[in-house]
Amino acid sequence: MVSGSEAAQLLESAGVAPDRLAEAARRGLAAAPGFAVGPARDGDRRLLVQLTVERAEAFGGGPGAGAVAQVAVSLELTSADGEPSRREAGAAAEPLSDGPAALRVALERAATAAVDKAVAGVALQLGAERKSSPELVRDLTSPDAPVRDRAVRTLADRGAREAVPALIERLHDSDPAVVERAIGALAQLHDPRAAAPLIALARHRDGAYVAQLARLLGDVGGPDARAWLLTMSSGHPDDAVRGAARAALAELSERERQARADPR
């Protein structure tokens, strides 16, 4: 269950047994709604779980002087029936105190917390997949930012263009990660209704941000996006923005040409 990555070997050399991490993942999954750990019964969906330690390190001023142990993991669930695999990441840090076992204790605590975060992400993902699109739209106003983030991601993956107005509202979410997720989701859905709200985000932003938006607006398409990209391609003072706008226009034009050739 725990892959033999170099980082996992570093943890083991510090005294953190892989079995401890595997047990943390099993415990977390067993407690998550909709999961059961153990032999599959008739009708159950069987999932193979792979836990990978991506990073394990200690850094800072020394034990008791601001030193920190940090661990990052990924958790991948693969279905036996050919469904797309699901992957979540988790990372955590723990202060490193004095004592001969300090490194092991800090790394083990950080690793366990990272596994717990990855498990929570997987549980949220599978829970969101079981919900209808209207339920996910309601989740967009949840007080819990991870729930909002997961709803945005799942609606985009479903191609749920009926959720575009609700996703546009998430462009002003209090959590920056949800805002970025909503921007990507709107680009993924290729709905011109998102063009004007995305263009508004470009005001008073630096060239790198505007160039990124230009590329995304090429994916969104529509008259508003085309007009803005034409303006940016010739009138923006930043070379990177002009280049991104020209590239987005070219991709947009090619997509529109293909749509005219195959109007299905």
C-alpha atoms as a PDB file:
ATOM      1  CA  MET A   1       0.000   0.000   0.000  1.00  0.00           C
ATOM      2  CA  VAL A   2       2.897   2.394   0.736  1.00  0.00           C
ATOM      3  CA  SER A   3       5.172   2.834  -2.264  1.00  0.00           C
ATOM      4  CA  GLY A   4       8.923   2.445  -1.914  1.00  0.00           C
ATOM      5  CA  SER A   5       9.825   5.991  -2.884  1.00  0.00           C
ATOM      6  CA  GLU A   6      13.105   7.570  -1.771  1.00  0.00           C
ATOM      7  CA  ALA A   7      11.183   9.758   0.654  1.00  0.00           C
ATOM      8  CA  ALA A   8       9.500   6.680   2.148  1.00  0.00           C
ATOM      9  CA  GLN A   9      12.939   5.123   2.635  1.00  0.00           C
ATOM     10  CA  LEU A  10      14.095   8.276   4.418  1.00  0.00           C
ATOM     11  CA  LEU A  11      11.133   8.028   6.776  1.00  0.00           C
ATOM     12  CA  GLU A  12      11.869   4.387   7.448  1.00  0.00           C
ATOM     13  CA  SER A  13      15.529   5.126   8.140  1.00  0.00           C
ATOM     14  CA  ALA A  14      14.392   7.691  10.717  1.00  0.00           C
ATOM     15  CA  GLY A  15      12.331   5.016  12.442  1.00  0.00           C
ATOM     16  CA  VAL A  16       8.910   5.671  10.904  1.00  0.00           C
ATOM     17  CA  ALA A  17       7.581   2.301   9.756  1.00  0.00           C
ATOM     18  CA  PRO A  18       5.509   2.232   6.544  1.00  0.00           C
ATOM     19  CA  ASP A  19       2.924   0.152   8.387  1.00  0.00           C
ATOM     20  CA  ARG A  20       2.140   3.151  10.590  1.00  0.00           C
ATOM     21  CA  LEU A  21       1.215   5.223   7.541  1.00  0.00           C
ATOM     22  CA  ALA A  22      -0.745   2.381   5.970  1.00  0.00           C
ATOM     23  CA  GLU A  23      -2.679   1.974   9.201  1.00  0.00           C
ATOM     24  CA  ALA A  24      -3.417   5.729   9.308  1.00  0.00           C
ATOM     25  CA  ALA A  25      -4.815   5.525   5.771  1.00  0.00           C
ATOM     26  CA  ARG A  26      -6.911   2.434   6.582  1.00  0.00           C
ATOM     27  CA  ARG A  27      -8.253   4.050   9.733  1.00  0.00           C
ATOM     28  CA  GLY A  28      -9.170   7.253   7.914  1.00  0.00           C
ATOM     29  CA  LEU A  29     -10.852   5.478   5.011  1.00  0.00           C
ATOM     30  CA  ALA A  30     -12.775   3.177   7.343  1.00  0.00           C
ATOM     31  CA  ALA A  31     -14.189   6.224   9.140  1.00  0.00           C
ATOM     32  CA  ALA A  32     -15.137   8.033   5.907  1.00  0.00           C
ATOM     33  CA  PRO A  33     -18.768   7.829   4.731  1.00  0.00           C
ATOM     34  CA  GLY A  34     -19.297   5.243   2.022  1.00  0.00           C
ATOM     35  CA  PHE A  35     -16.067   3.334   2.682  1.00  0.00           C
ATOM     36  CA  ALA A  36     -15.499  -0.090   4.194  1.00  0.00           C
ATOM     37  CA  VAL A  37     -12.059  -1.623   4.693  1.00  0.00           C
ATOM     38  CA  GLY A  38     -11.791  -5.374   4.305  1.00  0.00           C
ATOM     39  CA  PRO A  39     -12.845  -8.164   1.931  1.00  0.00           C
ATOM     40  CA  ALA A  40     -15.249  -7.025  -0.777  1.00  0.00           C
ATOM     41  CA  ARG A  41     -18.808  -8.338  -0.750  1.00  0.00           C
ATOM     42  CA  ASP A  42     -21.052  -8.939  -3.756  1.00  0.00           C
ATOM     43  CA  GLY A  43     -22.046  -5.612  -5.277  1.00  0.00           C
ATOM     44  CA  ASP A  44     -19.253  -3.643  -3.588  1.00  0.00           C
ATOM     45  CA  ARG A  45     -17.019  -1.415  -5.669  1.00  0.00           C
ATOM     46  CA  ARG A  46     -13.461  -2.535  -4.987  1.00  0.00           C
ATOM     47  CA  LEU A  47     -10.729   0.113  -4.862  1.00  0.00           C
ATOM     48  CA  LEU A  48      -6.975  -0.379  -4.797  1.00  0.00           C
ATOM     49  CA  VAL A  49      -5.294   2.213  -2.577  1.00  0.00           C
ATOM     50  CA  GLN A  50      -1.708   3.348  -3.213  1.00  0.00           C
ATOM     51  CA  LEU A  51      -0.036   5.682  -0.721  1.00  0.00           C
ATOM     52  CA  THR A  52       3.149   7.423  -1.866  1.00  0.00           C
ATOM     53  CA  VAL A  53       5.449   9.496   0.328  1.00  0.00           C
ATOM     54  CA  GLU A  54       6.404  12.353  -1.982  1.00  0.00           C
ATOM     55  CA  ARG A  55       8.631  14.329   0.368  1.00  0.00           C
ATOM     56  CA  ALA A  56      10.108  13.941   3.859  1.00  0.00           C
ATOM     57  CA  GLU A  57      12.560  16.434   5.297  1.00  0.00           C
ATOM     58  CA  ALA A  58      13.622  18.379   8.359  1.00  0.00           C
ATOM     59  CA  PHE A  59      14.891  21.927   8.161  1.00  0.00           C
ATOM     60  CA  GLY A  60      15.348  25.063  10.253  1.00  0.00           C
ATOM     61  CA  GLY A  61      17.639  26.269  12.993  1.00  0.00           C
ATOM     62  CA  GLY A  62      18.070  22.984  14.822  1.00  0.00           C
ATOM     63  CA  PRO A  63      16.025  21.118  17.441  1.00  0.00           C
ATOM     64  CA  GLY A  64      14.205  23.528  19.695  1.00  0.00           C
ATOM     65  CA  ALA A  65      15.229  26.510  17.557  1.00  0.00           C
ATOM     66  CA  GLY A  66      12.522  26.652  14.929  1.00  0.00           C
ATOM     67  CA  ALA A  67      13.347  23.360  13.210  1.00  0.00           C
ATOM     68  CA  VAL A  68      10.461  21.661  11.410  1.00  0.00           C
ATOM     69  CA  ALA A  69       9.826  18.190  10.034  1.00  0.00           C
ATOM     70  CA  GLN A  70       7.670  18.186   6.913  1.00  0.00           C
ATOM     71  CA  VAL A  71       6.050  15.319   5.017  1.00  0.00           C
ATOM     72  CA  ALA A  72       3.985  15.316   1.814  1.00  0.00           C
ATOM     73  CA  VAL A  73       2.056  12.290   0.558  1.00  0.00           C
ATOM     74  CA  SER A  74      -0.293  11.356  -2.256  1.00  0.00           C
ATOM     75  CA  LEU A  75      -3.107   8.847  -2.107  1.00  0.00           C
ATOM     76  CA  GLU A  76      -4.358   7.203  -5.301  1.00  0.00           C
ATOM     77  CA  LEU A  77      -7.491   5.080  -5.546  1.00  0.00           C
ATOM     78  CA  THR A  78      -7.847   2.854  -8.599  1.00  0.00           C
ATOM     79  CA  SER A  79     -11.047   0.982  -9.380  1.00  0.00           C
ATOM     80  CA  ALA A  80     -11.012  -2.594 -10.634  1.00  0.00           C
ATOM     81  CA  ASP A  81     -13.804  -1.810 -13.121  1.00  0.00           C
ATOM     82  CA  GLY A  82     -11.847   0.690 -15.199  1.00  0.00           C
ATOM     83  CA  GLU A  83     -13.082   3.945 -13.679  1.00  0.00           C
ATOM     84  CA  PRO A  84     -10.630   6.875 -13.719  1.00  0.00           C
ATOM     85  CA  SER A  85      -8.266   6.806 -10.764  1.00  0.00           C
ATOM     86  CA  ARG A  86      -8.584   9.432  -8.054  1.00  0.00           C
ATOM     87  CA  ARG A  87      -5.553  11.115  -6.548  1.00  0.00           C
ATOM     88  CA  GLU A  88      -5.265  13.446  -3.588  1.00  0.00           C
ATOM     89  CA  ALA A  89      -2.303  15.076  -1.878  1.00  0.00           C
ATOM     90  CA  GLY A  90      -1.701  15.991   1.722  1.00  0.00           C
ATOM     91  CA  ALA A  91       1.153  17.772   3.493  1.00  0.00           C
ATOM     92  CA  ALA A  92       1.873  18.631   7.105  1.00  0.00           C
ATOM     93  CA  ALA A  93       4.678  19.967   9.280  1.00  0.00           C
ATOM     94  CA  GLU A  94       5.570  19.402  12.923  1.00  0.00           C
ATOM     95  CA  PRO A  95       8.040  21.281  15.155  1.00  0.00           C
ATOM     96  CA  LEU A  96      11.229  19.386  15.925  1.00  0.00           C
ATOM     97  CA  SER A  97      12.035  19.325  19.640  1.00  0.00           C
ATOM     98  CA  ASP A  98      15.119  18.135  21.534  1.00  0.00           C
ATOM     99  CA  GLY A  99      15.840  14.523  22.361  1.00  0.00           C
ATOM    100  CA  PRO A 100      17.152  11.394  20.644  1.00  0.00           C
ATOM    101  CA  ALA A 101      13.712  10.401  19.304  1.00  0.00           C
ATOM    102  CA  ALA A 102      12.685  13.924  18.302  1.00  0.00           C
ATOM    103  CA  LEU A 103      13.170  13.454  14.563  1.00  0.00           C
ATOM    104  CA  ARG A 104      11.223  10.205  14.462  1.00  0.00           C
ATOM    105  CA  VAL A 105       8.359  11.620  16.530  1.00  0.00           C
ATOM    106  CA  ALA A 106       8.086  14.810  14.447  1.00  0.00           C
ATOM    107  CA  LEU A 107       8.258  12.947  11.132  1.00  0.00           C
ATOM    108  CA  GLU A 108       5.690  10.380  12.253  1.00  0.00           C
ATOM    109  CA  ARG A 109       3.258  13.065  13.407  1.00  0.00           C
ATOM    110  CA  ALA A 110       3.717  15.047  10.202  1.00  0.00           C
ATOM    111  CA  ALA A 111       3.307  11.928   8.056  1.00  0.00           C
ATOM    112  CA  THR A 112       0.145  10.858   9.870  1.00  0.00           C
ATOM    113  CA  ALA A 113      -1.366  14.342   9.554  1.00  0.00           C
ATOM    114  CA  ALA A 114      -0.492  14.421   5.838  1.00  0.00           C
ATOM    115  CA  VAL A 115      -2.172  11.044   5.317  1.00  0.00           C
ATOM    116  CA  ASP A 116      -5.258  12.267   7.174  1.00  0.00           C
ATOM    117  CA  LYS A 117      -5.492  15.278   4.838  1.00  0.00           C
ATOM    118  CA  ALA A 118      -5.150  13.116   1.729  1.00  0.00           C
ATOM    119  CA  VAL A 119      -7.803  10.700   3.014  1.00  0.00           C
ATOM    120  CA  ALA A 120     -10.158  13.597   3.750  1.00  0.00           C
ATOM    121  CA  GLY A 121      -9.667  14.854   0.194  1.00  0.00           C
ATOM    122  CA  VAL A 122     -10.446  11.446  -1.301  1.00  0.00           C
ATOM    123  CA  ALA A 123     -13.562  11.132   0.855  1.00  0.00           C
ATOM    124  CA  LEU A 124     -14.732  14.574  -0.271  1.00  0.00           C
ATOM    125  CA  GLN A 125     -14.070  13.690  -3.899  1.00  0.00           C
ATOM    126  CA  LEU A 126     -16.025  10.443  -3.826  1.00  0.00           C
ATOM    127  CA  GLY A 127     -18.806  12.089  -1.834  1.00  0.00           C
ATOM    128  CA  ALA A 128     -19.102  14.838  -4.422  1.00  0.00           C
ATOM    129  CA  GLU A 129     -19.251  12.291  -7.245  1.00  0.00           C
ATOM    130  CA  ARG A 130     -22.288  10.682  -5.613  1.00  0.00           C
ATOM    131  CA  LYS A 131     -24.187  13.983  -5.550  1.00  0.00           C
ATOM    132  CA  SER A 132     -26.425  15.374  -8.267  1.00  0.00           C
ATOM    133  CA  SER A 133     -25.421  18.575 -10.023  1.00  0.00           C
ATOM    134  CA  PRO A 134     -28.099  20.623  -8.182  1.00  0.00           C
ATOM    135  CA  GLU A 135     -26.711  19.319  -4.893  1.00  0.00           C
ATOM    136  CA  LEU A 136     -23.223  20.346  -5.943  1.00  0.00           C
ATOM    137  CA  VAL A 137     -24.459  23.821  -6.871  1.00  0.00           C
ATOM    138  CA  ARG A 138     -25.828  24.111  -3.331  1.00  0.00           C
ATOM    139  CA  ASP A 139     -22.407  23.019  -2.038  1.00  0.00           C
ATOM    140  CA  LEU A 140     -20.876  26.060  -3.752  1.00  0.00           C
ATOM    141  CA  THR A 141     -22.213  28.170  -0.874  1.00  0.00           C
ATOM    142  CA  SER A 142     -21.075  25.798   1.884  1.00  0.00           C
ATOM    143  CA  PRO A 143     -19.219  27.474   4.773  1.00  0.00           C
ATOM    144  CA  ASP A 144     -16.512  24.819   4.289  1.00  0.00           C
ATOM    145  CA  ALA A 145     -13.973  25.896   1.641  1.00  0.00           C
ATOM    146  CA  PRO A 146     -12.866  22.316   0.759  1.00  0.00           C
ATOM    147  CA  VAL A 147     -16.506  21.412   0.077  1.00  0.00           C
ATOM    148  CA  ARG A 148     -16.871  24.436  -2.229  1.00  0.00           C
ATOM    149  CA  ASP A 149     -13.606  23.583  -3.957  1.00  0.00           C
ATOM    150  CA  ARG A 150     -14.663  19.986  -4.519  1.00  0.00           C
ATOM    151  CA  ALA A 151     -18.056  21.049  -5.877  1.00  0.00           C
ATOM    152  CA  VAL A 152     -16.374  23.403  -8.372  1.00  0.00           C
ATOM    153  CA  ARG A 153     -14.040  20.647  -9.558  1.00  0.00           C
ATOM    154  CA  THR A 154     -16.767  18.024  -9.910  1.00  0.00           C
ATOM    155  CA  LEU A 155     -19.152  20.316 -11.790  1.00  0.00           C
ATOM    156  CA  ALA A 156     -16.399  21.190 -14.246  1.00  0.00           C
ATOM    157  CA  ASP A 157     -15.487  17.537 -14.752  1.00  0.00           C
ATOM    158  CA  ARG A 158     -19.150  16.783 -15.533  1.00  0.00           C
ATOM    159  CA  GLY A 159     -19.341  19.594 -18.068  1.00  0.00           C
ATOM    160  CA  ALA A 160     -22.251  21.074 -16.095  1.00  0.00           C
ATOM    161  CA  ARG A 161     -22.792  24.324 -17.999  1.00  0.00           C
ATOM    162  CA  GLU A 162     -26.029  24.888 -16.094  1.00  0.00           C
ATOM    163  CA  ALA A 163     -23.797  25.677 -13.097  1.00  0.00           C
ATOM    164  CA  VAL A 164     -21.980  28.549 -14.841  1.00  0.00           C
ATOM    165  CA  PRO A 165     -23.906  31.379 -13.051  1.00  0.00           C
ATOM    166  CA  ALA A 166     -23.156  29.807  -9.659  1.00  0.00           C
ATOM    167  CA  LEU A 167     -19.520  29.250 -10.625  1.00  0.00           C
ATOM    168  CA  ILE A 168     -19.209  32.896 -11.672  1.00  0.00           C
ATOM    169  CA  GLU A 169     -20.205  33.853  -8.118  1.00  0.00           C
ATOM    170  CA  ARG A 170     -17.221  31.829  -6.831  1.00  0.00           C
ATOM    171  CA  LEU A 171     -14.902  34.272  -8.621  1.00  0.00           C
ATOM    172  CA  HIS A 172     -15.391  36.398  -5.499  1.00  0.00           C
ATOM    173  CA  ASP A 173     -14.990  33.570  -3.000  1.00  0.00           C
ATOM    174  CA  SER A 174     -13.260  34.365   0.282  1.00  0.00           C
ATOM    175  CA  ASP A 175     -10.795  31.516  -0.330  1.00  0.00           C
ATOM    176  CA  PRO A 176      -8.204  32.281  -3.075  1.00  0.00           C
ATOM    177  CA  ALA A 177      -7.870  28.571  -3.898  1.00  0.00           C
ATOM    178  CA  VAL A 178     -11.590  28.343  -4.643  1.00  0.00           C
ATOM    179  CA  VAL A 179     -11.332  31.449  -6.844  1.00  0.00           C
ATOM    180  CA  GLU A 180      -8.520  29.865  -8.871  1.00  0.00           C
ATOM    181  CA  ARG A 181     -10.460  26.628  -9.130  1.00  0.00           C
ATOM    182  CA  ALA A 182     -13.535  28.512 -10.370  1.00  0.00           C
ATOM    183  CA  ILE A 183     -11.491  30.346 -13.004  1.00  0.00           C
ATOM    184  CA  GLY A 184     -10.185  27.044 -14.339  1.00  0.00           C
ATOM    185  CA  ALA A 185     -13.640  25.465 -14.231  1.00  0.00           C
ATOM    186  CA  LEU A 186     -15.200  28.268 -16.255  1.00  0.00           C
ATOM    187  CA  ALA A 187     -12.489  27.955 -18.878  1.00  0.00           C
ATOM    188  CA  GLN A 188     -13.025  24.182 -18.975  1.00  0.00           C
ATOM    189  CA  LEU A 189     -16.763  24.615 -19.596  1.00  0.00           C
ATOM    190  CA  HIS A 190     -16.237  26.854 -22.682  1.00  0.00           C
ATOM    191  CA  ASP A 191     -19.262  29.032 -21.852  1.00  0.00           C
ATOM    192  CA  PRO A 192     -19.196  32.613 -23.199  1.00  0.00           C
ATOM    193  CA  ARG A 193     -21.270  33.818 -20.244  1.00  0.00           C
ATOM    194  CA  ALA A 194     -18.080  33.634 -18.195  1.00  0.00           C
ATOM    195  CA  ALA A 195     -16.110  35.994 -20.455  1.00  0.00           C
ATOM    196  CA  ALA A 196     -17.131  39.361 -18.979  1.00  0.00           C
ATOM    197  CA  PRO A 197     -16.684  38.282 -15.320  1.00  0.00           C
ATOM    198  CA  LEU A 198     -13.251  36.860 -16.123  1.00  0.00           C
ATOM    199  CA  ILE A 199     -12.245  39.997 -18.003  1.00  0.00           C
ATOM    200  CA  ALA A 200     -13.162  42.028 -14.922  1.00  0.00           C
ATOM    201  CA  LEU A 201     -10.552  40.076 -12.943  1.00  0.00           C
ATOM    202  CA  ALA A 202      -7.802  41.459 -15.190  1.00  0.00           C
ATOM    203  CA  ARG A 203      -8.220  45.024 -13.937  1.00  0.00           C
ATOM    204  CA  HIS A 204      -5.245  46.308 -11.942  1.00  0.00           C
ATOM    205  CA  ARG A 205      -3.408  42.967 -12.211  1.00  0.00           C
ATOM    206  CA  ASP A 206       0.165  42.374 -13.321  1.00  0.00           C
ATOM    207  CA  GLY A 207       1.158  41.162 -16.763  1.00  0.00           C
ATOM    208  CA  ALA A 208       1.674  37.519 -15.750  1.00  0.00           C
ATOM    209  CA  TYR A 209      -1.853  37.285 -14.358  1.00  0.00           C
ATOM    210  CA  VAL A 210      -3.405  39.005 -17.384  1.00  0.00           C
ATOM    211  CA  ALA A 211      -1.473  36.700 -19.745  1.00  0.00           C
ATOM    212  CA  GLN A 212      -2.850  33.679 -17.906  1.00  0.00           C
ATOM    213  CA  LEU A 213      -6.375  35.067 -18.158  1.00  0.00           C
ATOM    214  CA  ALA A 214      -5.869  35.677 -21.869  1.00  0.00           C
ATOM    215  CA  ARG A 215      -5.104  32.006 -22.415  1.00  0.00           C
ATOM    216  CA  LEU A 216      -8.165  30.998 -20.386  1.00  0.00           C
ATOM    217  CA  LEU A 217     -10.440  33.437 -22.211  1.00  0.00           C
ATOM    218  CA  GLY A 218      -9.383  31.810 -25.440  1.00  0.00           C
ATOM    219  CA  ASP A 219     -10.885  28.616 -24.018  1.00  0.00           C
ATOM    220  CA  VAL A 220     -14.072  30.402 -22.915  1.00  0.00           C
ATOM    221  CA  GLY A 221     -14.701  31.958 -26.322  1.00  0.00           C
ATOM    222  CA  GLY A 222     -17.575  34.158 -27.448  1.00  0.00           C
ATOM    223  CA  PRO A 223     -17.779  37.763 -28.719  1.00  0.00           C
ATOM    224  CA  ASP A 224     -16.701  39.396 -25.431  1.00  0.00           C
ATOM    225  CA  ALA A 225     -13.624  37.198 -25.143  1.00  0.00           C
ATOM    226  CA  ARG A 226     -12.678  37.764 -28.791  1.00  0.00           C
ATOM    227  CA  ALA A 227     -13.032  41.552 -28.532  1.00  0.00           C
ATOM    228  CA  TRP A 228     -10.944  41.689 -25.351  1.00  0.00           C
ATOM    229  CA  LEU A 229      -8.257  39.423 -26.793  1.00  0.00           C
ATOM    230  CA  LEU A 230      -8.042  41.575 -29.930  1.00  0.00           C
ATOM    231  CA  THR A 231      -7.513  44.650 -27.747  1.00  0.00           C
ATOM    232  CA  MET A 232      -4.885  42.917 -25.613  1.00  0.00           C
ATOM    233  CA  SER A 233      -3.070  41.481 -28.642  1.00  0.00           C
ATOM    234  CA  SER A 234      -2.218  44.936 -29.952  1.00  0.00           C
ATOM    235  CA  GLY A 235      -2.761  47.406 -27.142  1.00  0.00           C
ATOM    236  CA  HIS A 236      -1.319  45.926 -23.952  1.00  0.00           C
ATOM    237  CA  PRO A 237       2.139  47.251 -23.002  1.00  0.00           C
ATOM    238  CA  ASP A 238       3.411  43.828 -21.867  1.00  0.00           C
ATOM    239  CA  ASP A 239       4.923  41.631 -24.590  1.00  0.00           C
ATOM    240  CA  ALA A 240       3.875  38.471 -22.738  1.00  0.00           C
ATOM    241  CA  VAL A 241       0.248  39.591 -22.619  1.00  0.00           C
ATOM    242  CA  ARG A 242       0.207  40.477 -26.303  1.00  0.00           C
ATOM    243  CA  GLY A 243       1.743  37.107 -27.185  1.00  0.00           C
ATOM    244  CA  ALA A 244      -0.688  35.175 -24.992  1.00  0.00           C
ATOM    245  CA  ALA A 245      -3.630  37.063 -26.477  1.00  0.00           C
ATOM    246  CA  ARG A 246      -2.501  36.350 -30.030  1.00  0.00           C
ATOM    247  CA  ALA A 247      -2.030  32.657 -29.253  1.00  0.00           C
ATOM    248  CA  ALA A 248      -5.460  32.498 -27.575  1.00  0.00           C
ATOM    249  CA  LEU A 249      -7.059  34.175 -30.575  1.00  0.00           C
ATOM    250  CA  ALA A 250      -5.458  31.684 -32.938  1.00  0.00           C
ATOM    251  CA  GLU A 251      -6.697  28.725 -30.864  1.00  0.00           C
ATOM    252  CA  LEU A 252     -10.157  30.272 -30.562  1.00  0.00           C
ATOM    253  CA  SER A 253     -10.375  30.823 -34.311  1.00  0.00           C
ATOM    254  CA  GLU A 254      -9.301  27.250 -35.007  1.00  0.00           C
ATOM    255  CA  ARG A 255     -11.869  25.863 -32.586  1.00  0.00           C
ATOM    256  CA  GLU A 256     -14.605  27.955 -34.185  1.00  0.00           C
ATOM    257  CA  ARG A 257     -13.503  26.803 -37.646  1.00  0.00           C
ATOM    258  CA  GLN A 258     -13.731  23.183 -36.564  1.00  0.00           C
ATOM    259  CA  ALA A 259     -17.169  23.772 -35.042  1.00  0.00           C
ATOM    260  CA  ARG A 260     -18.416  25.221 -38.351  1.00  0.00           C
ATOM    261  CA  ALA A 261     -16.986  22.255 -40.254  1.00  0.00           C
ATOM    262  CA  ASP A 262     -18.580  19.752 -37.870  1.00  0.00           C
ATOM    263  CA  PRO A 263     -21.669  21.400 -36.344  1.00  0.00           C
ATOM    264  CA  ARG A 264     -22.834  18.296 -34.414  1.00  0.00           C
END
